[in-house]
Amino acid sequence: MNPLRLDDRDIAILATLSREGRISKTELAARVNLSPTPCWERMKRLEKAGLIVGYRAEIDLSGLGPHVLVFVTVELDSHRAESFQIFERTVARMDEITGCWAIGGGYDYLMQVVAADVGAFQTLMDGLLESRAGVRRYFSYIVTKPVKNLPPALAVLGA
């Protein structure tokens, strides 16, 4: 399968949608200097190619009430393929874990957890340790203040 060839307008469409998913089709077309129909066709092509995988609202969780955001590094007991699969299946079922990435280096995974409070976070981690997920140890990093959280700047990716 050949990779989709992207031009500057495709990149502009992707960059604009990653920052402003609710932008109208007409406004998007104007921003990328296209008429609405060709812009819409490009957008549909990007969706079909799997480059646009969804649209969602960015929620200010502080408006919903108290919560804690925690990043967690995880080391597994075993580095067998089956161990990674078991851990990943376990994590997939836990709603409080909003992101999980396999990483290289000293740890096996980096997780992002959103919980009601530190107690709820600890209960989640106790459950993970008691499960058969194979966690040897973990280190938690509680977010005290968001500093920057933006979609990737597509231009720096050479796109």
N, C-alpha and C. Protein backbone atom coordinates (compact mmCIF):
# COMPACT_ATOMS: atom_id res chain seq x y z
N MET A 1 0.84 -1.19 0.00
CA MET A 1 0.00 0.00 0.00
C MET A 1 0.89 1.25 0.00
N ASN A 2 0.63 2.14 -0.91
CA ASN A 2 1.40 3.39 -1.01
C ASN A 2 0.91 4.39 0.03
N PRO A 3 1.86 5.06 0.67
CA PRO A 3 1.42 6.10 1.62
C PRO A 3 0.73 7.24 0.88
N LEU A 4 -0.19 7.86 1.54
CA LEU A 4 -0.92 8.98 0.97
C LEU A 4 0.03 10.15 0.78
N ARG A 5 0.05 10.71 -0.39
CA ARG A 5 0.90 11.88 -0.66
C ARG A 5 0.14 13.12 -0.19
N LEU A 6 0.79 13.89 0.66
CA LEU A 6 0.17 15.08 1.23
C LEU A 6 0.84 16.32 0.67
N ASP A 7 0.02 17.30 0.36
CA ASP A 7 0.59 18.59 -0.04
C ASP A 7 0.36 19.60 1.08
N ASP A 8 0.78 20.83 0.84
CA ASP A 8 0.68 21.87 1.87
C ASP A 8 -0.75 22.09 2.34
N ARG A 9 -1.72 21.98 1.45
CA ARG A 9 -3.12 22.19 1.86
C ARG A 9 -3.62 21.04 2.72
N ASP A 10 -3.20 19.81 2.39
CA ASP A 10 -3.58 18.68 3.25
C ASP A 10 -3.04 18.89 4.66
N ILE A 11 -1.78 19.31 4.75
CA ILE A 11 -1.15 19.55 6.05
C ILE A 11 -1.89 20.67 6.78
N ALA A 12 -2.27 21.72 6.04
CA ALA A 12 -3.00 22.83 6.65
C ALA A 12 -4.35 22.36 7.18
N ILE A 13 -5.03 21.49 6.43
CA ILE A 13 -6.31 20.94 6.89
C ILE A 13 -6.11 20.15 8.18
N LEU A 14 -5.11 19.27 8.19
CA LEU A 14 -4.84 18.46 9.38
C LEU A 14 -4.47 19.34 10.58
N ALA A 15 -3.61 20.33 10.35
CA ALA A 15 -3.18 21.19 11.45
C ALA A 15 -4.36 21.98 12.01
N THR A 16 -5.20 22.51 11.14
CA THR A 16 -6.35 23.29 11.60
C THR A 16 -7.33 22.42 12.37
N LEU A 17 -7.62 21.23 11.84
CA LEU A 17 -8.56 20.34 12.53
C LEU A 17 -8.01 19.83 13.85
N SER A 18 -6.70 19.66 13.95
CA SER A 18 -6.15 19.19 15.22
C SER A 18 -6.27 20.23 16.31
N ARG A 19 -6.33 21.51 15.92
CA ARG A 19 -6.49 22.59 16.90
C ARG A 19 -7.96 22.96 17.10
N GLU A 20 -8.75 22.85 16.05
CA GLU A 20 -10.14 23.33 16.08
C GLU A 20 -11.06 22.33 15.40
N GLY A 21 -11.34 21.24 16.06
CA GLY A 21 -12.15 20.19 15.47
C GLY A 21 -13.56 20.58 15.10
N ARG A 22 -14.09 21.62 15.74
CA ARG A 22 -15.48 22.03 15.46
C ARG A 22 -15.58 23.13 14.41
N ILE A 23 -14.51 23.45 13.76
CA ILE A 23 -14.54 24.50 12.75
C ILE A 23 -15.51 24.10 11.64
N SER A 24 -16.24 25.07 11.11
CA SER A 24 -17.18 24.76 10.04
C SER A 24 -16.41 24.44 8.76
N LYS A 25 -17.05 23.69 7.88
CA LYS A 25 -16.41 23.33 6.61
C LYS A 25 -16.07 24.59 5.81
N THR A 26 -16.96 25.56 5.84
CA THR A 26 -16.74 26.81 5.10
C THR A 26 -15.53 27.55 5.66
N GLU A 27 -15.44 27.66 6.98
CA GLU A 27 -14.32 28.35 7.60
C GLU A 27 -13.02 27.59 7.36
N LEU A 28 -13.06 26.27 7.43
CA LEU A 28 -11.87 25.46 7.15
C LEU A 28 -11.39 25.71 5.73
N ALA A 29 -12.30 25.70 4.80
CA ALA A 29 -11.94 25.93 3.40
C ALA A 29 -11.29 27.30 3.22
N ALA A 30 -11.85 28.31 3.88
CA ALA A 30 -11.28 29.66 3.78
C ALA A 30 -9.88 29.70 4.37
N ARG A 31 -9.68 29.02 5.49
CA ARG A 31 -8.36 29.04 6.16
C ARG A 31 -7.27 28.38 5.32
N VAL A 32 -7.65 27.37 4.54
CA VAL A 32 -6.64 26.67 3.74
C VAL A 32 -6.67 27.09 2.28
N ASN A 33 -7.42 28.16 2.00
CA ASN A 33 -7.47 28.76 0.66
C ASN A 33 -7.98 27.80 -0.40
N LEU A 34 -9.11 27.16 -0.09
CA LEU A 34 -9.80 26.28 -1.03
C LEU A 34 -11.28 26.61 -1.02
N SER A 35 -11.97 26.22 -2.06
CA SER A 35 -13.42 26.34 -2.02
C SER A 35 -13.96 25.16 -1.20
N PRO A 36 -15.18 25.29 -0.67
CA PRO A 36 -15.69 24.27 0.25
C PRO A 36 -15.72 22.84 -0.29
N THR A 37 -16.17 22.64 -1.53
CA THR A 37 -16.28 21.26 -2.05
C THR A 37 -14.93 20.56 -2.15
N PRO A 38 -13.90 21.16 -2.76
CA PRO A 38 -12.60 20.47 -2.77
C PRO A 38 -12.01 20.27 -1.37
N CYS A 39 -12.26 21.21 -0.48
CA CYS A 39 -11.78 21.07 0.89
C CYS A 39 -12.45 19.87 1.56
N TRP A 40 -13.76 19.75 1.39
CA TRP A 40 -14.52 18.64 1.96
C TRP A 40 -14.02 17.31 1.38
N GLU A 41 -13.75 17.28 0.07
CA GLU A 41 -13.26 16.06 -0.57
C GLU A 41 -11.89 15.66 -0.01
N ARG A 42 -11.03 16.64 0.21
CA ARG A 42 -9.72 16.36 0.81
C ARG A 42 -9.87 15.83 2.23
N MET A 43 -10.76 16.44 2.98
CA MET A 43 -10.99 16.01 4.35
C MET A 43 -11.48 14.57 4.38
N LYS A 44 -12.41 14.22 3.51
CA LYS A 44 -12.92 12.85 3.43
C LYS A 44 -11.82 11.88 3.02
N ARG A 45 -10.93 12.29 2.12
CA ARG A 45 -9.81 11.46 1.69
C ARG A 45 -8.86 11.21 2.86
N LEU A 46 -8.61 12.25 3.65
CA LEU A 46 -7.74 12.12 4.83
C LEU A 46 -8.37 11.21 5.88
N GLU A 47 -9.69 11.29 6.04
CA GLU A 47 -10.39 10.40 6.96
C GLU A 47 -10.30 8.95 6.48
N LYS A 48 -10.58 8.75 5.18
CA LYS A 48 -10.56 7.40 4.61
C LYS A 48 -9.17 6.78 4.70
N ALA A 49 -8.13 7.59 4.56
CA ALA A 49 -6.75 7.10 4.65
C ALA A 49 -6.34 6.82 6.09
N GLY A 50 -7.18 7.19 7.07
CA GLY A 50 -6.87 6.93 8.46
C GLY A 50 -6.01 7.98 9.13
N LEU A 51 -5.76 9.11 8.45
CA LEU A 51 -4.99 10.19 9.07
C LEU A 51 -5.82 10.97 10.07
N ILE A 52 -7.10 11.10 9.79
CA ILE A 52 -8.03 11.71 10.76
C ILE A 52 -8.79 10.54 11.37
N VAL A 53 -8.54 10.30 12.65
CA VAL A 53 -9.15 9.14 13.29
C VAL A 53 -10.34 9.48 14.17
N GLY A 54 -10.63 10.77 14.36
CA GLY A 54 -11.78 11.15 15.15
C GLY A 54 -11.79 12.62 15.47
N TYR A 55 -12.90 13.05 16.03
CA TYR A 55 -13.09 14.43 16.45
C TYR A 55 -13.62 14.37 17.87
N ARG A 56 -13.11 15.26 18.72
CA ARG A 56 -13.62 15.27 20.09
C ARG A 56 -13.42 16.64 20.71
N ALA A 57 -14.17 16.85 21.76
CA ALA A 57 -14.06 18.10 22.50
C ALA A 57 -12.97 17.99 23.54
N GLU A 58 -12.27 19.06 23.78
CA GLU A 58 -11.28 19.12 24.86
C GLU A 58 -12.01 19.68 26.07
N ILE A 59 -12.07 18.89 27.13
CA ILE A 59 -12.86 19.23 28.31
C ILE A 59 -11.95 19.80 29.40
N ASP A 60 -12.37 20.90 30.00
CA ASP A 60 -11.66 21.44 31.17
C ASP A 60 -12.17 20.69 32.39
N LEU A 61 -11.41 19.70 32.82
CA LEU A 61 -11.85 18.84 33.92
C LEU A 61 -12.07 19.60 35.21
N SER A 62 -11.37 20.70 35.41
CA SER A 62 -11.57 21.47 36.65
C SER A 62 -12.99 22.01 36.74
N GLY A 63 -13.64 22.21 35.62
CA GLY A 63 -15.03 22.66 35.62
C GLY A 63 -16.01 21.59 36.05
N LEU A 64 -15.57 20.34 36.05
CA LEU A 64 -16.44 19.23 36.45
C LEU A 64 -16.29 18.87 37.92
N GLY A 65 -15.25 19.39 38.53
CA GLY A 65 -15.03 19.10 39.94
C GLY A 65 -13.59 18.70 40.20
N PRO A 66 -13.29 18.41 41.45
CA PRO A 66 -11.92 18.04 41.81
C PRO A 66 -11.48 16.76 41.10
N HIS A 67 -10.22 16.70 40.77
CA HIS A 67 -9.64 15.52 40.14
C HIS A 67 -8.13 15.60 40.28
N VAL A 68 -7.47 14.51 39.97
CA VAL A 68 -6.02 14.48 39.97
C VAL A 68 -5.58 13.83 38.66
N LEU A 69 -4.57 14.41 38.04
CA LEU A 69 -3.96 13.86 36.84
C LEU A 69 -2.60 13.33 37.24
N VAL A 70 -2.34 12.07 36.92
CA VAL A 70 -1.10 11.42 37.35
C VAL A 70 -0.47 10.71 36.16
N PHE A 71 0.83 10.91 35.99
CA PHE A 71 1.58 10.12 35.02
C PHE A 71 2.28 9.03 35.82
N VAL A 72 2.30 7.83 35.27
CA VAL A 72 2.83 6.68 35.98
C VAL A 72 3.77 5.91 35.05
N THR A 73 4.99 5.66 35.52
CA THR A 73 5.88 4.77 34.79
C THR A 73 5.74 3.39 35.40
N VAL A 74 5.74 2.37 34.55
CA VAL A 74 5.48 1.01 34.99
C VAL A 74 6.58 0.08 34.48
N GLU A 75 7.05 -0.78 35.36
CA GLU A 75 7.99 -1.84 35.00
C GLU A 75 7.30 -3.17 35.25
N LEU A 76 7.36 -4.05 34.28
CA LEU A 76 6.73 -5.36 34.42
C LEU A 76 7.70 -6.38 35.01
N ASP A 77 7.13 -7.43 35.62
CA ASP A 77 7.93 -8.52 36.17
C ASP A 77 8.69 -9.28 35.09
N SER A 78 8.01 -9.50 33.98
CA SER A 78 8.56 -10.32 32.91
C SER A 78 8.50 -9.56 31.59
N HIS A 79 9.43 -9.83 30.72
CA HIS A 79 9.45 -9.18 29.41
C HIS A 79 9.13 -10.16 28.30
N ARG A 80 8.31 -11.14 28.61
CA ARG A 80 7.82 -12.06 27.59
C ARG A 80 6.64 -11.41 26.87
N ALA A 81 6.44 -11.76 25.63
CA ALA A 81 5.36 -11.17 24.83
C ALA A 81 4.01 -11.33 25.52
N GLU A 82 3.78 -12.48 26.11
CA GLU A 82 2.52 -12.74 26.80
C GLU A 82 2.31 -11.77 27.97
N SER A 83 3.38 -11.41 28.67
CA SER A 83 3.28 -10.48 29.79
C SER A 83 2.83 -9.11 29.33
N PHE A 84 3.38 -8.64 28.22
CA PHE A 84 2.98 -7.35 27.68
C PHE A 84 1.51 -7.39 27.25
N GLN A 85 1.10 -8.48 26.62
CA GLN A 85 -0.29 -8.60 26.17
C GLN A 85 -1.26 -8.59 27.34
N ILE A 86 -0.92 -9.30 28.40
CA ILE A 86 -1.79 -9.35 29.59
C ILE A 86 -1.91 -7.95 30.20
N PHE A 87 -0.77 -7.27 30.35
CA PHE A 87 -0.80 -5.92 30.92
C PHE A 87 -1.66 -5.00 30.05
N GLU A 88 -1.46 -5.03 28.76
CA GLU A 88 -2.20 -4.13 27.86
C GLU A 88 -3.70 -4.43 27.87
N ARG A 89 -4.08 -5.67 27.94
CA ARG A 89 -5.51 -6.01 28.03
C ARG A 89 -6.10 -5.52 29.34
N THR A 90 -5.35 -5.65 30.42
CA THR A 90 -5.82 -5.20 31.73
C THR A 90 -6.03 -3.68 31.72
N VAL A 91 -5.04 -2.95 31.23
CA VAL A 91 -5.11 -1.49 31.19
C VAL A 91 -6.27 -1.02 30.30
N ALA A 92 -6.51 -1.72 29.21
CA ALA A 92 -7.58 -1.33 28.29
C ALA A 92 -8.95 -1.32 28.96
N ARG A 93 -9.12 -2.10 30.02
CA ARG A 93 -10.41 -2.19 30.72
C ARG A 93 -10.56 -1.16 31.83
N MET A 94 -9.53 -0.37 32.10
CA MET A 94 -9.57 0.56 33.24
C MET A 94 -9.82 1.98 32.73
N ASP A 95 -11.02 2.49 32.96
CA ASP A 95 -11.42 3.79 32.42
C ASP A 95 -10.57 4.94 32.94
N GLU A 96 -10.07 4.83 34.16
CA GLU A 96 -9.28 5.93 34.73
C GLU A 96 -7.94 6.10 34.00
N ILE A 97 -7.47 5.06 33.35
CA ILE A 97 -6.23 5.15 32.58
C ILE A 97 -6.61 5.67 31.20
N THR A 98 -6.30 6.95 30.98
CA THR A 98 -6.74 7.62 29.75
C THR A 98 -5.69 7.58 28.65
N GLY A 99 -4.49 7.18 28.98
CA GLY A 99 -3.44 7.02 27.98
C GLY A 99 -2.43 6.03 28.48
N CYS A 100 -1.89 5.22 27.58
CA CYS A 100 -0.86 4.27 27.96
C CYS A 100 0.01 4.03 26.74
N TRP A 101 1.32 4.18 26.94
CA TRP A 101 2.27 4.04 25.86
C TRP A 101 3.37 3.08 26.26
N ALA A 102 3.71 2.14 25.38
CA ALA A 102 4.90 1.31 25.57
C ALA A 102 6.09 2.21 25.26
N ILE A 103 7.10 2.19 26.12
CA ILE A 103 8.23 3.09 25.94
C ILE A 103 9.55 2.32 26.03
N GLY A 104 10.56 2.88 25.42
CA GLY A 104 11.90 2.32 25.52
C GLY A 104 12.63 2.98 26.67
N GLY A 105 13.67 2.34 27.12
CA GLY A 105 14.44 2.92 28.22
C GLY A 105 14.26 2.10 29.48
N GLY A 106 14.29 2.75 30.61
CA GLY A 106 14.27 2.07 31.90
C GLY A 106 12.94 1.47 32.30
N TYR A 107 11.84 1.96 31.74
CA TYR A 107 10.52 1.46 32.11
C TYR A 107 9.85 0.87 30.89
N ASP A 108 8.79 0.13 31.13
CA ASP A 108 8.08 -0.53 30.03
C ASP A 108 6.92 0.30 29.49
N TYR A 109 6.24 1.03 30.38
CA TYR A 109 5.05 1.80 29.98
C TYR A 109 5.01 3.15 30.68
N LEU A 110 4.37 4.08 30.03
CA LEU A 110 4.00 5.36 30.62
C LEU A 110 2.49 5.45 30.53
N MET A 111 1.85 5.68 31.68
CA MET A 111 0.39 5.79 31.71
C MET A 111 -0.02 7.18 32.15
N GLN A 112 -1.17 7.60 31.65
CA GLN A 112 -1.81 8.83 32.11
C GLN A 112 -3.10 8.42 32.81
N VAL A 113 -3.26 8.87 34.04
CA VAL A 113 -4.42 8.48 34.85
C VAL A 113 -5.15 9.73 35.30
N VAL A 114 -6.47 9.71 35.17
CA VAL A 114 -7.32 10.78 35.72
C VAL A 114 -8.23 10.13 36.76
N ALA A 115 -8.11 10.59 38.00
CA ALA A 115 -8.91 10.02 39.09
C ALA A 115 -9.55 11.15 39.89
N ALA A 116 -10.55 10.80 40.68
CA ALA A 116 -11.27 11.81 41.47
C ALA A 116 -10.36 12.46 42.50
N ASP A 117 -9.45 11.69 43.07
CA ASP A 117 -8.52 12.22 44.08
C ASP A 117 -7.37 11.23 44.24
N VAL A 118 -6.43 11.55 45.11
CA VAL A 118 -5.26 10.69 45.30
C VAL A 118 -5.68 9.32 45.84
N GLY A 119 -6.67 9.31 46.72
CA GLY A 119 -7.16 8.03 47.24
C GLY A 119 -7.71 7.13 46.15
N ALA A 120 -8.47 7.70 45.24
CA ALA A 120 -9.02 6.92 44.13
C ALA A 120 -7.90 6.43 43.22
N PHE A 121 -6.89 7.27 43.02
CA PHE A 121 -5.72 6.85 42.23
C PHE A 121 -5.04 5.67 42.90
N GLN A 122 -4.84 5.73 44.21
CA GLN A 122 -4.15 4.65 44.92
C GLN A 122 -4.96 3.37 44.87
N THR A 123 -6.27 3.48 44.98
CA THR A 123 -7.13 2.31 44.87
C THR A 123 -6.98 1.66 43.50
N LEU A 124 -6.93 2.47 42.46
CA LEU A 124 -6.72 1.96 41.10
C LEU A 124 -5.39 1.21 41.02
N MET A 125 -4.33 1.82 41.54
CA MET A 125 -3.01 1.20 41.45
C MET A 125 -2.94 -0.07 42.31
N ASP A 126 -3.58 -0.07 43.48
CA ASP A 126 -3.63 -1.28 44.29
C ASP A 126 -4.31 -2.41 43.52
N GLY A 127 -5.39 -2.06 42.83
CA GLY A 127 -6.08 -3.07 42.01
C GLY A 127 -5.21 -3.58 40.88
N LEU A 128 -4.46 -2.69 40.28
CA LEU A 128 -3.56 -3.10 39.20
C LEU A 128 -2.47 -4.03 39.73
N LEU A 129 -1.93 -3.71 40.90
CA LEU A 129 -0.90 -4.55 41.51
C LEU A 129 -1.46 -5.93 41.91
N GLU A 130 -2.69 -5.96 42.38
CA GLU A 130 -3.30 -7.22 42.81
C GLU A 130 -3.78 -8.06 41.64
N SER A 131 -3.95 -7.45 40.49
CA SER A 131 -4.39 -8.19 39.30
C SER A 131 -3.24 -9.04 38.79
N ARG A 132 -3.50 -9.77 37.75
CA ARG A 132 -2.46 -10.58 37.12
C ARG A 132 -1.77 -9.82 36.00
N ALA A 133 -1.72 -8.49 36.11
CA ALA A 133 -1.14 -7.67 35.05
C ALA A 133 0.38 -7.73 35.03
N GLY A 134 1.01 -8.22 36.08
CA GLY A 134 2.45 -8.41 36.07
C GLY A 134 3.28 -7.18 36.38
N VAL A 135 2.72 -6.23 37.14
CA VAL A 135 3.46 -5.02 37.47
C VAL A 135 4.49 -5.33 38.55
N ARG A 136 5.76 -5.07 38.28
CA ARG A 136 6.82 -5.23 39.28
C ARG A 136 6.85 -4.02 40.19
N ARG A 137 6.90 -2.84 39.56
CA ARG A 137 6.88 -1.60 40.33
C ARG A 137 6.42 -0.47 39.45
N TYR A 138 6.03 0.61 40.10
CA TYR A 138 5.59 1.80 39.37
C TYR A 138 6.03 3.04 40.14
N PHE A 139 6.13 4.13 39.40
CA PHE A 139 6.43 5.43 40.00
C PHE A 139 5.37 6.40 39.51
N SER A 140 4.79 7.15 40.43
CA SER A 140 3.71 8.07 40.07
C SER A 140 4.19 9.52 40.18
N TYR A 141 3.70 10.34 39.25
CA TYR A 141 4.05 11.75 39.17
C TYR A 141 2.75 12.54 39.07
N ILE A 142 2.37 13.19 40.15
CA ILE A 142 1.12 13.94 40.20
C ILE A 142 1.33 15.30 39.54
N VAL A 143 0.45 15.63 38.62
CA VAL A 143 0.52 16.91 37.93
C VAL A 143 0.03 18.00 38.88
N THR A 144 0.87 18.98 39.13
CA THR A 144 0.50 20.07 40.02
C THR A 144 -0.01 21.29 39.26
N LYS A 145 0.40 21.41 37.98
CA LYS A 145 -0.04 22.54 37.18
C LYS A 145 0.19 22.22 35.70
N PRO A 146 -0.85 22.32 34.89
CA PRO A 146 -0.61 22.13 33.45
C PRO A 146 0.18 23.33 32.91
N VAL A 147 1.16 23.06 32.10
CA VAL A 147 1.98 24.12 31.52
C VAL A 147 1.74 24.22 30.02
N LYS A 148 1.70 23.09 29.34
CA LYS A 148 1.48 23.10 27.89
C LYS A 148 0.88 21.77 27.49
N ASN A 149 -0.17 21.81 26.70
CA ASN A 149 -0.83 20.61 26.21
C ASN A 149 -1.48 20.93 24.87
N LEU A 150 -0.72 20.76 23.81
CA LEU A 150 -1.19 21.11 22.47
C LEU A 150 -1.08 19.91 21.54
N PRO A 151 -1.84 19.93 20.46
CA PRO A 151 -1.63 18.90 19.44
C PRO A 151 -0.25 19.11 18.80
N PRO A 152 0.31 18.08 18.19
CA PRO A 152 1.63 18.23 17.60
C PRO A 152 1.64 19.28 16.48
N ALA A 153 2.73 20.01 16.38
CA ALA A 153 2.91 20.97 15.29
C ALA A 153 3.36 20.14 14.08
N LEU A 154 2.48 19.96 13.12
CA LEU A 154 2.75 19.07 12.01
C LEU A 154 3.96 19.50 11.19
N ALA A 155 4.23 20.79 11.15
CA ALA A 155 5.35 21.28 10.36
C ALA A 155 6.68 20.75 10.88
N VAL A 156 6.80 20.52 12.18
CA VAL A 156 8.07 20.04 12.73
C VAL A 156 8.28 18.56 12.44
N LEU A 157 7.23 17.86 11.98
CA LEU A 157 7.34 16.45 11.65
C LEU A 157 7.82 16.24 10.22
N GLY A 158 8.06 17.35 9.53
CA GLY A 158 8.50 17.25 8.14
C GLY A 158 7.35 16.95 7.19
N ALA A 159 6.14 17.05 7.70
CA ALA A 159 4.97 16.76 6.86
C ALA A 159 4.69 17.91 5.91
